[in-house]
């Protein structure tokens, strides 16, 4: 069984020409990640 992301873990994804920085909240399911930065790719 895979565990969810650990609280404080940071993930950066690029989607639709934007760079989205997300941090894990320690919750499971839909609320597991919170967006902390959403900026255009340079």
PDB file of N, CA and C in Angstrom:
ATOM      1  N   UNK A   1       0.836  -1.193   0.000  1.00  0.00           N
ATOM      2  CA  UNK A   1       0.000   0.000   0.000  1.00  0.00           C
ATOM      3  C   UNK A   1       0.874   1.248   0.000  1.00  0.00           C
ATOM      4  N   UNK A   2       0.521   2.203  -0.849  1.00  0.00           N
ATOM      5  CA  UNK A   2       1.322   3.426  -0.902  1.00  0.00           C
ATOM      6  C   UNK A   2       0.770   4.457   0.079  1.00  0.00           C
ATOM      7  N   UNK A   3       1.680   5.100   0.743  1.00  0.00           N
ATOM      8  CA  UNK A   3       1.307   6.153   1.692  1.00  0.00           C
ATOM      9  C   UNK A   3       1.108   7.457   0.930  1.00  0.00           C
ATOM     10  N   UNK A   4       0.341   8.364   1.500  1.00  0.00           N
ATOM     11  CA  UNK A   4       0.180   9.685   0.913  1.00  0.00           C
ATOM     12  C   UNK A   4       1.441  10.498   1.119  1.00  0.00           C
ATOM     13  N   UNK A   5       1.494  11.669   0.527  1.00  0.00           N
ATOM     14  CA  UNK A   5       2.679  12.518   0.706  1.00  0.00           C
ATOM     15  C   UNK A   5       2.812  12.965   2.160  1.00  0.00           C
ATOM     16  N   UNK A   6       4.044  13.124   2.586  1.00  0.00           N
ATOM     17  CA  UNK A   6       4.274  13.585   3.961  1.00  0.00           C
ATOM     18  C   UNK A   6       4.072  15.090   4.052  1.00  0.00           C
ATOM     19  N   UNK A   7       3.609  15.546   5.194  1.00  0.00           N
ATOM     20  CA  UNK A   7       3.348  16.966   5.395  1.00  0.00           C
ATOM     21  C   UNK A   7       4.619  17.775   5.174  1.00  0.00           C
ATOM     22  N   UNK A   8       4.520  18.861   4.447  1.00  0.00           N
ATOM     23  CA  UNK A   8       5.669  19.714   4.169  1.00  0.00           C
ATOM     24  C   UNK A   8       6.420  19.356   2.904  1.00  0.00           C
ATOM     25  N   UNK A   9       6.102  18.208   2.304  1.00  0.00           N
ATOM     26  CA  UNK A   9       6.749  17.794   1.063  1.00  0.00           C
ATOM     27  C   UNK A   9       6.332  18.747  -0.062  1.00  0.00           C
ATOM     28  N   UNK A  10       7.283  19.121  -0.920  1.00  0.00           N
ATOM     29  CA  UNK A  10       7.002  20.089  -1.984  1.00  0.00           C
ATOM     30  C   UNK A  10       7.103  19.416  -3.343  1.00  0.00           C
ATOM     31  N   UNK A  11       6.151  19.777  -4.225  1.00  0.00           N
ATOM     32  CA  UNK A  11       6.117  19.214  -5.571  1.00  0.00           C
ATOM     33  C   UNK A  11       5.911  20.361  -6.550  1.00  0.00           C
ATOM     34  N   UNK A  12       6.695  20.355  -7.637  1.00  0.00           N
ATOM     35  CA  UNK A  12       6.563  21.388  -8.662  1.00  0.00           C
ATOM     36  C   UNK A  12       6.129  20.706  -9.957  1.00  0.00           C
ATOM     37  N   UNK A  13       5.027  21.195 -10.542  1.00  0.00           N
ATOM     38  CA  UNK A  13       4.567  20.646 -11.809  1.00  0.00           C
ATOM     39  C   UNK A  13       4.418  21.773 -12.824  1.00  0.00           C
ATOM     40  N   UNK A  14       4.529  21.425 -14.097  1.00  0.00           N
ATOM     41  CA  UNK A  14       4.319  22.398 -15.158  1.00  0.00           C
ATOM     42  C   UNK A  14       3.091  21.970 -15.931  1.00  0.00           C
ATOM     43  N   UNK A  15       2.122  22.880 -16.027  1.00  0.00           N
ATOM     44  CA  UNK A  15       0.866  22.547 -16.701  1.00  0.00           C
ATOM     45  C   UNK A  15       0.313  23.794 -17.386  1.00  0.00           C
ATOM     46  N   UNK A  16      -0.070  23.649 -18.644  1.00  0.00           N
ATOM     47  CA  UNK A  16      -0.685  24.726 -19.434  1.00  0.00           C
ATOM     48  C   UNK A  16       0.158  26.002 -19.415  1.00  0.00           C
ATOM     49  N   UNK A  17       1.469  25.846 -19.536  1.00  0.00           N
ATOM     50  CA  UNK A  17       2.348  27.007 -19.599  1.00  0.00           C
ATOM     51  C   UNK A  17       2.582  27.694 -18.268  1.00  0.00           C
ATOM     52  N   UNK A  18       2.215  27.036 -17.168  1.00  0.00           N
ATOM     53  CA  UNK A  18       2.423  27.617 -15.842  1.00  0.00           C
ATOM     54  C   UNK A  18       3.199  26.656 -14.965  1.00  0.00           C
ATOM     55  N   UNK A  19       3.945  27.220 -14.034  1.00  0.00           N
ATOM     56  CA  UNK A  19       4.712  26.424 -13.069  1.00  0.00           C
ATOM     57  C   UNK A  19       3.975  26.506 -11.741  1.00  0.00           C
ATOM     58  N   UNK A  20       3.509  25.366 -11.262  1.00  0.00           N
ATOM     59  CA  UNK A  20       2.688  25.329 -10.056  1.00  0.00           C
ATOM     60  C   UNK A  20       3.467  24.629  -8.946  1.00  0.00           C
ATOM     61  N   UNK A  21       3.674  25.322  -7.843  1.00  0.00           N
ATOM     62  CA  UNK A  21       4.372  24.772  -6.687  1.00  0.00           C
ATOM     63  C   UNK A  21       3.333  24.389  -5.650  1.00  0.00           C
ATOM     64  N   UNK A  22       3.364  23.130  -5.215  1.00  0.00           N
ATOM     65  CA  UNK A  22       2.380  22.632  -4.269  1.00  0.00           C
ATOM     66  C   UNK A  22       3.083  22.052  -3.048  1.00  0.00           C
ATOM     67  N   UNK A  23       2.429  22.143  -1.902  1.00  0.00           N
ATOM     68  CA  UNK A  23       2.968  21.588  -0.666  1.00  0.00           C
ATOM     69  C   UNK A  23       1.962  20.595  -0.112  1.00  0.00           C
ATOM     70  N   UNK A  24       2.461  19.490   0.429  1.00  0.00           N
ATOM     71  CA  UNK A  24       1.588  18.467   0.999  1.00  0.00           C
ATOM     72  C   UNK A  24       1.037  18.942   2.336  1.00  0.00           C
ATOM     73  N   UNK A  25      -0.253  18.660   2.566  1.00  0.00           N
ATOM     74  CA  UNK A  25      -0.897  19.092   3.805  1.00  0.00           C
ATOM     75  C   UNK A  25      -0.926  17.987   4.850  1.00  0.00           C
ATOM     76  N   UNK A  26      -0.595  16.764   4.453  1.00  0.00           N
ATOM     77  CA  UNK A  26      -0.648  15.640   5.381  1.00  0.00           C
ATOM     78  C   UNK A  26      -1.994  14.948   5.382  1.00  0.00           C
ATOM     79  N   UNK A  27      -2.971  15.490   4.626  1.00  0.00           N
ATOM     80  CA  UNK A  27      -4.283  14.858   4.524  1.00  0.00           C
ATOM     81  C   UNK A  27      -4.265  13.816   3.420  1.00  0.00           C
ATOM     82  N   UNK A  28      -5.323  13.019   3.355  1.00  0.00           N
ATOM     83  CA  UNK A  28      -5.442  12.038   2.272  1.00  0.00           C
ATOM     84  C   UNK A  28      -6.492  12.513   1.286  1.00  0.00           C
ATOM     85  N   UNK A  29      -6.420  12.000   0.068  1.00  0.00           N
ATOM     86  CA  UNK A  29      -7.439  12.299  -0.932  1.00  0.00           C
ATOM     87  C   UNK A  29      -7.238  13.654  -1.590  1.00  0.00           C
ATOM     88  N   UNK A  30      -8.359  14.293  -1.932  1.00  0.00           N
ATOM     89  CA  UNK A  30      -8.322  15.511  -2.737  1.00  0.00           C
ATOM     90  C   UNK A  30      -7.580  16.654  -2.057  1.00  0.00           C
ATOM     91  N   UNK A  31      -7.643  16.762  -0.740  1.00  0.00           N
ATOM     92  CA  UNK A  31      -7.007  17.868  -0.033  1.00  0.00           C
ATOM     93  C   UNK A  31      -5.555  17.629   0.336  1.00  0.00           C
ATOM     94  N   UNK A  32      -4.918  16.628  -0.277  1.00  0.00           N
ATOM     95  CA  UNK A  32      -3.555  16.265   0.098  1.00  0.00           C
ATOM     96  C   UNK A  32      -2.531  17.323  -0.310  1.00  0.00           C
ATOM     97  N   UNK A  33      -2.831  18.104  -1.351  1.00  0.00           N
ATOM     98  CA  UNK A  33      -1.880  19.107  -1.837  1.00  0.00           C
ATOM     99  C   UNK A  33      -2.521  20.486  -1.824  1.00  0.00           C
ATOM    100  N   UNK A  34      -1.723  21.505  -1.486  1.00  0.00           N
ATOM    101  CA  UNK A  34      -2.191  22.880  -1.487  1.00  0.00           C
ATOM    102  C   UNK A  34      -1.262  23.691  -2.369  1.00  0.00           C
ATOM    103  N   UNK A  35      -1.833  24.480  -3.281  1.00  0.00           N
ATOM    104  CA  UNK A  35      -1.023  25.306  -4.175  1.00  0.00           C
ATOM    105  C   UNK A  35      -0.498  26.500  -3.389  1.00  0.00           C
ATOM    106  N   UNK A  36       0.830  26.692  -3.416  1.00  0.00           N
ATOM    107  CA  UNK A  36       1.400  27.844  -2.720  1.00  0.00           C
ATOM    108  C   UNK A  36       1.952  28.875  -3.697  1.00  0.00           C
ATOM    109  N   UNK A  37       2.193  28.459  -4.942  1.00  0.00           N
ATOM    110  CA  UNK A  37       2.685  29.405  -5.942  1.00  0.00           C
ATOM    111  C   UNK A  37       2.226  28.957  -7.315  1.00  0.00           C
ATOM    112  N   UNK A  38       1.734  29.910  -8.120  1.00  0.00           N
ATOM    113  CA  UNK A  38       1.281  29.617  -9.469  1.00  0.00           C
ATOM    114  C   UNK A  38       1.793  30.750 -10.349  1.00  0.00           C
ATOM    115  N   UNK A  39       2.821  30.449 -11.151  1.00  0.00           N
ATOM    116  CA  UNK A  39       3.447  31.501 -11.939  1.00  0.00           C
ATOM    117  C   UNK A  39       3.652  31.062 -13.389  1.00  0.00           C
ATOM    118  N   UNK A  40       3.691  32.025 -14.322  1.00  0.00           N
ATOM    119  CA  UNK A  40       3.928  31.658 -15.713  1.00  0.00           C
ATOM    120  C   UNK A  40       5.357  31.157 -15.923  1.00  0.00           C
ATOM    121  N   UNK A  41       5.523  30.255 -16.875  1.00  0.00           N
ATOM    122  CA  UNK A  41       6.870  29.793 -17.213  1.00  0.00           C
ATOM    123  C   UNK A  41       7.616  30.931 -17.897  1.00  0.00           C
ATOM    124  N   UNK A  42       8.895  31.054 -17.584  1.00  0.00           N
ATOM    125  CA  UNK A  42       9.673  32.138 -18.213  1.00  0.00           C
ATOM    126  C   UNK A  42      10.603  31.571 -19.245  1.00  0.00           C
TER     127      UNK A  42
END
